[in-house]
Amino acid sequence: MFDRVRAVHGRIGSPGCIQVDVTDGAHDGSVGHFHEMWTRCFAGFLRSEDRDGAIAFLPELLPPGNGYARTVRQPDGQRVEEGDRWAQAEALCTVATAAFAEARRRTGPADRTP
């Protein structure tokens, strides 16, 4: 299955939440699982014979009304999203870039750039 992926949905969740803040390091276990899955997807792409193809990494930036992100209660009682969505997108891209580099290491030299 991983060998056929050509679009990676960039969102990291945990067993208790569909989307978690990955910038604070508290969810390193979840990040590790997703890093490995993304690495396998990228490695499958790099091993493919479709040299003209592409693989997309799509970090998710849904609006707060969708209820995807975990919320935390502020001292004033207001509930706010756990993290900043733009910072999350950047963090997800960092994880994906590292996963692509690992995929390249596993598959050997390639003539593609991430």
Protein backbone atom coordinates (compact mmCIF):
# COMPACT_ATOMS: atom_id res chain seq x y z
CA MET A 1 0.00 0.00 0.00
CA PHE A 2 2.74 2.49 0.93
CA ASP A 3 4.38 2.00 -2.48
CA ARG A 4 1.30 3.36 -4.27
CA VAL A 5 0.79 6.56 -2.28
CA ARG A 6 1.15 9.78 -4.27
CA ALA A 7 -0.41 12.24 -1.81
CA VAL A 8 0.33 12.37 1.92
CA HIS A 9 -2.27 14.00 4.13
CA GLY A 10 -0.25 16.04 6.61
CA ARG A 11 -1.93 15.76 9.97
CA ILE A 12 -0.69 14.02 13.11
CA GLY A 13 -3.07 12.63 15.67
CA SER A 14 -2.82 10.53 18.78
CA PRO A 15 -4.96 7.66 20.08
CA GLY A 16 -7.07 10.25 21.91
CA CYS A 17 -7.26 13.10 19.42
CA ILE A 18 -7.54 13.43 15.65
CA GLN A 19 -5.07 16.35 15.52
CA VAL A 20 -2.44 17.26 18.11
CA ASP A 21 0.06 20.10 18.55
CA VAL A 22 3.40 18.67 17.46
CA THR A 23 5.51 21.77 18.05
CA ASP A 24 5.84 21.30 21.81
CA GLY A 25 7.42 17.82 21.67
CA ALA A 26 4.75 16.32 23.93
CA HIS A 27 3.56 13.96 21.19
CA ASP A 28 6.90 12.56 20.05
CA GLY A 29 5.45 9.03 20.03
CA SER A 30 2.74 10.03 17.58
CA VAL A 31 5.23 11.99 15.49
CA GLY A 32 7.48 8.93 15.27
CA HIS A 33 4.66 6.73 13.97
CA PHE A 34 3.67 9.26 11.31
CA HIS A 35 7.31 9.89 10.37
CA GLU A 36 7.71 6.17 9.69
CA MET A 37 4.50 5.93 7.65
CA TRP A 38 5.45 8.99 5.60
CA THR A 39 8.98 7.61 5.11
CA ARG A 40 7.52 4.38 3.72
CA CYS A 41 5.25 6.36 1.37
CA PHE A 42 8.15 8.48 0.12
CA ALA A 43 10.39 5.40 -0.25
CA GLY A 44 7.70 3.69 -2.35
CA PHE A 45 7.54 6.74 -4.57
CA LEU A 46 11.33 6.89 -4.92
CA ARG A 47 11.44 3.20 -5.89
CA SER A 48 8.70 3.62 -8.50
CA GLU A 49 9.41 3.59 -12.20
CA ASP A 50 7.33 6.73 -12.73
CA ARG A 51 10.25 9.15 -12.98
CA ASP A 52 7.98 11.96 -14.21
CA GLY A 53 5.47 11.55 -11.39
CA ALA A 54 5.17 13.51 -8.18
CA ILE A 55 4.21 12.95 -4.61
CA ALA A 56 2.37 15.68 -2.73
CA PHE A 57 2.60 16.50 0.95
CA LEU A 58 -0.48 18.40 2.05
CA PRO A 59 -0.40 19.85 5.58
CA GLU A 60 -3.90 20.31 6.91
CA LEU A 61 -5.08 23.76 7.88
CA LEU A 62 -8.77 23.39 8.54
CA PRO A 63 -10.68 26.25 10.15
CA PRO A 64 -11.36 26.03 13.91
CA GLY A 65 -15.09 25.43 13.35
CA ASN A 66 -14.37 21.93 12.06
CA GLY A 67 -13.42 20.79 15.55
CA TYR A 68 -10.31 18.88 14.47
CA ALA A 69 -7.81 20.47 16.82
CA ARG A 70 -7.75 19.75 20.51
CA THR A 71 -8.69 22.70 22.69
CA VAL A 72 -7.40 23.77 26.08
CA ARG A 73 -9.05 25.92 28.70
CA GLN A 74 -7.49 29.31 29.35
CA PRO A 75 -7.35 30.84 32.86
CA ASP A 76 -10.40 32.97 31.95
CA GLY A 77 -12.35 29.80 31.11
CA GLN A 78 -12.31 30.30 27.35
CA ARG A 79 -11.39 27.26 25.24
CA VAL A 80 -8.81 27.86 22.51
CA GLU A 81 -7.01 25.60 20.08
CA GLU A 82 -3.95 23.91 21.50
CA GLY A 83 -1.56 25.30 18.88
CA ASP A 84 -1.16 27.76 16.05
CA ARG A 85 -2.25 26.19 12.73
CA TRP A 86 0.46 27.91 10.67
CA ALA A 87 3.18 26.82 13.10
CA GLN A 88 1.70 23.31 12.95
CA ALA A 89 1.88 23.31 9.14
CA GLU A 90 5.53 24.32 9.32
CA ALA A 91 6.24 21.61 11.91
CA LEU A 92 4.48 19.00 9.76
CA CYS A 93 6.55 20.05 6.74
CA THR A 94 9.69 19.67 8.84
CA VAL A 95 8.69 16.11 9.78
CA ALA A 96 7.86 15.34 6.13
CA THR A 97 11.19 16.73 4.91
CA ALA A 98 13.02 14.52 7.41
CA ALA A 99 10.91 11.53 6.32
CA PHE A 100 11.78 12.19 2.66
CA ALA A 101 15.47 12.39 3.53
CA GLU A 102 15.19 9.08 5.41
CA ALA A 103 13.38 7.54 2.43
CA ARG A 104 16.23 8.63 0.18
CA ARG A 105 18.74 7.12 2.58
CA ARG A 106 16.83 3.82 2.55
CA THR A 107 16.41 3.68 -1.22
CA GLY A 108 19.86 4.89 -2.23
CA PRO A 109 20.83 7.82 -4.44
CA ALA A 110 18.08 9.38 -6.50
CA ASP A 111 17.96 12.15 -9.03
CA ARG A 112 14.93 13.84 -7.42
CA THR A 113 14.65 16.71 -5.00
CA PRO A 114 11.97 16.78 -2.29
